[in-house]
Amino acid sequence: MEKVALANGIEIPIVGTGTNTYGKEDNQYNGELNGDFSALESAIEAGYRLIDTAISYRNEAGVGKTVAESGIPREEFYLTTKIPADDRYVGSRESVEQTILKSLENLRTDYIDLYLIHHPIDSIEKLKHTWEVLESFVDKGLIKSIGVSNFTIEMLKAIKDFARIQPAVNQIQSNPHTWNDEVIEYMKNNNIVAEAWGPLSRVTDEQKARLEQIGENYGKNWGQVLLRYQIQRGVVVIPKSHNKERQLSNLDIFDFDLTVEDTVIIKSL
């Protein structure tokens, strides 16, 4: 698995798996928790080591249990979780601290590789004390890297003004519906790694057909072409599937390189 170096020198796998529908009835985001993490088990078996969850997914504990019972050493995994932006979690320093401690407990781990603020916080004061608590957990070795999710350029600039430890990652939507090129370019220039959620989402049939045409030159399908485009430009991707074959397919993207002409076409989709 290829990796990308963060600003602090720690490396993150360039492909991981999302988990927002794992352990839920009918594989639905808002479905009742049912404890079925077979999709995560098959992802781990396929070779995924970057595992992305969040408090709002309600499945931290199930993810933690599955990883702990995988038989694979903890240090081989790269675990990411996220703190919600509402007052229950970020209203005070104490609530932020308790939230992080609960994540550590749920994930059955002594440290979390990457902790993100899931969405922009509605006040600079709350953002500042949330970030300062995250920094304190980095100081204690309980979190290795910290970052944000769904932040615009303006929001990244706001946090830059007071952060002692700059965000290592900004997890954003990036797919043919919304490439977010401007934000990604800003992050590249400021040593922040872009991580794409939903990299295979919101793709039209017409776009899939064009991607399939490109893929014919490499013996790859539309999804593999799309993921390859992202990783060639240094964007970490976290596709998610409940299907073992698709999980394997989404990892089979390291044996070809898209031409410049192909990347221009994909960017224009």
Protein backbone atom coordinates (compact mmCIF):
# COMPACT_ATOMS: atom_id res chain seq x y z
CA MET A 1 0.00 0.00 0.00
CA GLU A 2 1.33 3.42 -0.95
CA LYS A 3 1.38 6.06 1.76
CA VAL A 4 1.40 9.84 1.96
CA ALA A 5 3.53 11.74 4.47
CA LEU A 6 1.72 14.23 6.68
CA ALA A 7 3.30 17.50 7.81
CA ASN A 8 4.45 15.83 11.03
CA GLY A 9 6.25 13.06 9.13
CA ILE A 10 3.69 10.37 9.95
CA GLU A 11 2.48 8.41 6.94
CA ILE A 12 -1.15 7.67 6.09
CA PRO A 13 -2.22 4.94 3.65
CA ILE A 14 -3.43 6.53 0.42
CA VAL A 15 -6.44 4.20 0.24
CA GLY A 16 -8.71 3.33 3.13
CA THR A 17 -12.27 2.35 3.83
CA GLY A 18 -15.16 4.41 5.08
CA THR A 19 -17.49 2.77 7.61
CA ASN A 20 -20.54 5.01 7.87
CA THR A 21 -23.03 2.25 7.01
CA TYR A 22 -21.20 -0.67 8.62
CA GLY A 23 -22.91 -2.44 11.49
CA LYS A 24 -26.35 -1.09 10.55
CA GLU A 25 -29.60 -2.57 9.30
CA ASP A 26 -29.98 -2.63 5.51
CA ASN A 27 -26.55 -0.97 5.22
CA GLN A 28 -28.23 2.38 5.74
CA TYR A 29 -26.55 5.38 7.38
CA ASN A 30 -29.53 5.96 9.70
CA GLY A 31 -30.27 2.28 10.16
CA GLU A 32 -30.44 0.68 13.58
CA LEU A 33 -27.18 -0.78 14.79
CA ASN A 34 -27.17 -4.55 14.33
CA GLY A 35 -23.57 -5.48 15.18
CA ASP A 36 -22.89 -6.93 11.73
CA PHE A 37 -19.40 -5.78 10.80
CA SER A 38 -18.73 -8.50 8.25
CA ALA A 39 -18.14 -5.82 5.62
CA LEU A 40 -15.34 -4.34 7.72
CA GLU A 41 -13.98 -7.82 8.37
CA SER A 42 -13.79 -8.50 4.63
CA ALA A 43 -12.21 -5.08 4.03
CA ILE A 44 -9.51 -5.85 6.56
CA GLU A 45 -9.02 -9.27 4.98
CA ALA A 46 -8.69 -7.58 1.58
CA GLY A 47 -5.87 -5.41 2.93
CA TYR A 48 -7.43 -2.14 4.09
CA ARG A 49 -5.60 -0.68 7.07
CA LEU A 50 -6.84 2.92 7.03
CA ILE A 51 -10.21 2.67 8.79
CA ASP A 52 -12.33 5.83 8.91
CA THR A 53 -15.18 6.18 11.40
CA ALA A 54 -16.85 9.00 13.33
CA ILE A 55 -18.87 9.55 16.48
CA SER A 56 -21.87 10.54 14.38
CA TYR A 57 -21.76 7.15 12.65
CA ARG A 58 -22.65 5.61 16.04
CA ASN A 59 -20.41 2.62 15.32
CA GLU A 60 -17.05 3.50 16.89
CA ALA A 61 -17.39 0.63 19.37
CA GLY A 62 -18.18 -1.91 16.66
CA VAL A 63 -15.29 -0.71 14.53
CA GLY A 64 -12.99 -0.91 17.53
CA LYS A 65 -14.13 -4.42 18.38
CA THR A 66 -13.69 -5.62 14.80
CA VAL A 67 -10.19 -4.18 14.54
CA ALA A 68 -9.20 -5.54 17.95
CA GLU A 69 -10.45 -9.03 17.09
CA SER A 70 -8.89 -9.10 13.61
CA GLY A 71 -5.71 -10.73 14.86
CA ILE A 72 -3.66 -8.01 13.16
CA PRO A 73 -1.34 -5.90 15.36
CA ARG A 74 -2.77 -2.50 16.29
CA GLU A 75 0.24 -0.67 14.88
CA GLU A 76 -0.59 -1.92 11.37
CA PHE A 77 -3.86 0.00 11.40
CA TYR A 78 -4.44 3.69 10.85
CA LEU A 79 -7.60 4.61 12.77
CA THR A 80 -9.47 7.84 12.13
CA THR A 81 -12.47 9.20 13.99
CA LYS A 82 -14.21 12.56 14.16
CA ILE A 83 -15.77 14.80 16.78
CA PRO A 84 -19.16 16.34 15.90
CA ALA A 85 -19.41 20.13 15.87
CA ASP A 86 -22.43 20.52 18.15
CA ASP A 87 -22.33 21.74 21.75
CA ARG A 88 -22.82 18.31 23.28
CA TYR A 89 -19.28 17.53 22.18
CA VAL A 90 -17.50 20.87 21.71
CA GLY A 91 -19.41 23.21 24.02
CA SER A 92 -16.59 23.23 26.58
CA ARG A 93 -13.05 21.98 27.02
CA GLU A 94 -14.35 19.32 29.39
CA SER A 95 -16.85 18.00 26.84
CA VAL A 96 -14.12 17.79 24.19
CA GLU A 97 -11.85 15.90 26.58
CA GLN A 98 -14.57 13.45 27.57
CA THR A 99 -15.49 12.88 23.93
CA ILE A 100 -11.93 12.00 22.98
CA LEU A 101 -11.54 9.70 25.97
CA LYS A 102 -14.76 7.92 24.99
CA SER A 103 -13.43 7.46 21.44
CA LEU A 104 -10.29 5.86 22.83
CA GLU A 105 -12.46 3.54 24.91
CA ASN A 106 -14.79 2.70 22.01
CA LEU A 107 -11.91 2.00 19.64
CA ARG A 108 -10.15 -0.16 22.25
CA THR A 109 -6.87 1.58 21.68
CA ASP A 110 -4.19 3.51 23.53
CA TYR A 111 -3.95 6.06 20.72
CA ILE A 112 -5.88 7.31 17.72
CA ASP A 113 -3.94 7.91 14.53
CA LEU A 114 -6.03 10.80 13.23
CA TYR A 115 -8.73 12.79 15.01
CA LEU A 116 -10.77 15.23 12.93
CA ILE A 117 -13.31 17.95 13.64
CA HIS A 118 -16.16 16.53 11.56
CA HIS A 119 -17.77 19.80 10.45
CA PRO A 120 -17.05 23.50 10.85
CA ILE A 121 -17.76 24.80 14.36
CA ASP A 122 -20.05 27.82 14.49
CA SER A 123 -17.82 30.03 16.66
CA ILE A 124 -14.11 30.81 16.71
CA GLU A 125 -14.10 30.49 20.50
CA LYS A 126 -15.43 26.93 20.41
CA LEU A 127 -13.17 26.04 17.48
CA LYS A 128 -10.18 27.39 19.38
CA HIS A 129 -10.76 25.50 22.61
CA THR A 130 -11.62 22.31 20.69
CA TRP A 131 -8.38 22.57 18.74
CA GLU A 132 -6.35 23.31 21.88
CA VAL A 133 -7.72 20.18 23.56
CA LEU A 134 -6.87 18.11 20.49
CA GLU A 135 -3.36 19.57 20.59
CA SER A 136 -3.05 18.58 24.25
CA PHE A 137 -3.92 14.97 23.39
CA VAL A 138 -1.22 15.03 20.70
CA ASP A 139 1.20 16.26 23.36
CA LYS A 140 0.25 13.27 25.53
CA GLY A 141 0.68 10.81 22.67
CA LEU A 142 -2.98 9.76 22.76
CA ILE A 143 -3.58 11.21 19.29
CA LYS A 144 -0.90 11.07 16.60
CA SER A 145 -2.30 13.62 14.13
CA ILE A 146 -5.18 16.09 14.10
CA GLY A 147 -7.17 17.66 11.31
CA VAL A 148 -10.53 18.82 10.07
CA SER A 149 -13.29 17.77 7.72
CA ASN A 150 -15.46 19.77 5.32
CA PHE A 151 -13.46 22.98 5.93
CA THR A 152 -13.30 25.67 3.26
CA ILE A 153 -10.20 27.74 2.49
CA GLU A 154 -11.52 30.53 4.71
CA MET A 155 -12.03 28.12 7.60
CA LEU A 156 -8.55 26.68 7.16
CA LYS A 157 -7.15 30.20 7.28
CA ALA A 158 -9.10 30.90 10.47
CA ILE A 159 -7.66 27.89 12.28
CA LYS A 160 -4.17 28.71 10.99
CA ASP A 161 -4.28 32.01 12.90
CA PHE A 162 -4.23 30.33 16.33
CA ALA A 163 -3.21 26.70 15.85
CA ARG A 164 0.05 25.62 17.48
CA ILE A 165 -0.22 22.36 15.51
CA GLN A 166 -1.53 22.97 12.01
CA PRO A 167 -4.19 20.60 10.56
CA ALA A 168 -2.54 17.57 8.98
CA VAL A 169 -5.60 16.59 6.95
CA ASN A 170 -8.80 18.12 5.60
CA GLN A 171 -11.31 15.44 4.66
CA ILE A 172 -13.63 16.81 1.97
CA GLN A 173 -15.96 15.65 -0.76
CA SER A 174 -14.08 15.09 -4.00
CA ASN A 175 -15.71 13.35 -6.97
CA PRO A 176 -16.96 14.34 -10.43
CA HIS A 177 -19.88 16.18 -8.85
CA THR A 178 -17.60 18.34 -6.70
CA TRP A 179 -13.86 18.03 -7.32
CA ASN A 180 -13.03 20.81 -4.83
CA ASP A 181 -9.91 21.61 -6.86
CA GLU A 182 -9.46 25.09 -5.40
CA VAL A 183 -9.48 23.81 -1.81
CA ILE A 184 -7.15 20.94 -2.68
CA GLU A 185 -4.71 23.32 -4.36
CA TYR A 186 -4.70 25.55 -1.27
CA MET A 187 -4.02 22.54 0.93
CA LYS A 188 -1.14 21.40 -1.24
CA ASN A 189 0.41 24.84 -0.89
CA ASN A 190 -0.02 24.73 2.88
CA ASN A 191 1.16 21.17 3.55
CA ILE A 192 -2.31 19.84 4.40
CA VAL A 193 -3.20 16.43 2.95
CA ALA A 194 -6.52 16.19 1.14
CA GLU A 195 -8.63 13.13 1.90
CA ALA A 196 -11.66 12.46 -0.29
CA TRP A 197 -14.86 11.15 1.19
CA GLY A 198 -17.38 9.79 -1.28
CA PRO A 199 -14.76 9.42 -4.05
CA LEU A 200 -17.07 7.07 -6.00
CA SER A 201 -20.32 8.86 -5.15
CA ARG A 202 -22.56 11.10 -7.26
CA VAL A 203 -21.20 9.85 -10.56
CA THR A 204 -23.68 9.97 -13.45
CA ASP A 205 -24.19 7.15 -15.94
CA GLU A 206 -22.71 9.36 -18.64
CA GLN A 207 -19.59 9.99 -16.55
CA LYS A 208 -19.29 6.29 -15.75
CA ALA A 209 -19.45 5.48 -19.47
CA ARG A 210 -16.64 7.94 -20.23
CA LEU A 211 -14.55 6.54 -17.38
CA GLU A 212 -15.16 3.00 -18.64
CA GLN A 213 -13.84 4.06 -22.05
CA ILE A 214 -10.65 5.33 -20.41
CA GLY A 215 -10.43 2.18 -18.31
CA GLU A 216 -10.45 -0.05 -21.40
CA ASN A 217 -6.92 1.17 -22.15
CA TYR A 218 -5.71 -0.21 -18.83
CA GLY A 219 -8.02 -3.16 -18.19
CA LYS A 220 -9.71 -1.26 -15.36
CA ASN A 221 -13.28 -0.32 -14.49
CA TRP A 222 -14.69 3.18 -14.03
CA GLY A 223 -14.23 3.14 -10.25
CA GLN A 224 -10.60 2.12 -10.48
CA VAL A 225 -9.94 4.90 -12.99
CA LEU A 226 -11.60 7.45 -10.72
CA LEU A 227 -9.63 6.34 -7.66
CA ARG A 228 -6.40 6.29 -9.65
CA TYR A 229 -7.00 9.87 -10.75
CA GLN A 230 -7.28 10.96 -7.15
CA ILE A 231 -4.23 9.17 -5.81
CA GLN A 232 -2.09 10.34 -8.75
CA ARG A 233 -2.72 13.87 -7.55
CA GLY A 234 -1.86 12.95 -3.96
CA VAL A 235 -5.40 12.76 -2.59
CA VAL A 236 -6.11 10.05 -0.02
CA VAL A 237 -9.33 8.16 -0.82
CA ILE A 238 -11.69 6.26 1.45
CA PRO A 239 -14.15 4.37 -0.78
CA LYS A 240 -16.62 2.16 1.02
CA SER A 241 -18.31 -1.02 -0.13
CA HIS A 242 -20.17 -3.93 1.45
CA ASN A 243 -19.14 -6.15 -1.45
CA LYS A 244 -15.90 -8.10 -1.08
CA GLU A 245 -15.14 -8.12 -4.82
CA ARG A 246 -15.56 -4.34 -5.06
CA GLN A 247 -13.42 -3.88 -1.97
CA LEU A 248 -10.66 -5.84 -3.69
CA SER A 249 -11.22 -3.96 -6.94
CA ASN A 250 -10.87 -0.59 -5.21
CA LEU A 251 -7.42 -1.63 -4.00
CA ASP A 252 -6.30 -2.84 -7.42
CA ILE A 253 -5.19 0.59 -8.63
CA PHE A 254 -1.43 0.57 -8.19
CA ASP A 255 -0.35 -1.14 -11.40
CA PHE A 256 -1.14 1.58 -13.95
CA ASP A 257 -0.70 5.30 -14.53
CA LEU A 258 -3.21 7.54 -16.25
CA THR A 259 -1.84 9.63 -19.09
CA VAL A 260 -1.92 13.41 -18.94
CA GLU A 261 -4.60 13.35 -21.63
CA ASP A 262 -6.77 11.04 -19.56
CA THR A 263 -6.40 13.15 -16.42
CA VAL A 264 -7.49 16.24 -18.36
CA ILE A 265 -10.64 14.43 -19.49
CA ILE A 266 -11.42 13.18 -15.98
CA LYS A 267 -10.90 16.62 -14.47
CA SER A 268 -13.38 18.05 -16.95
CA LEU A 269 -16.15 15.59 -16.04
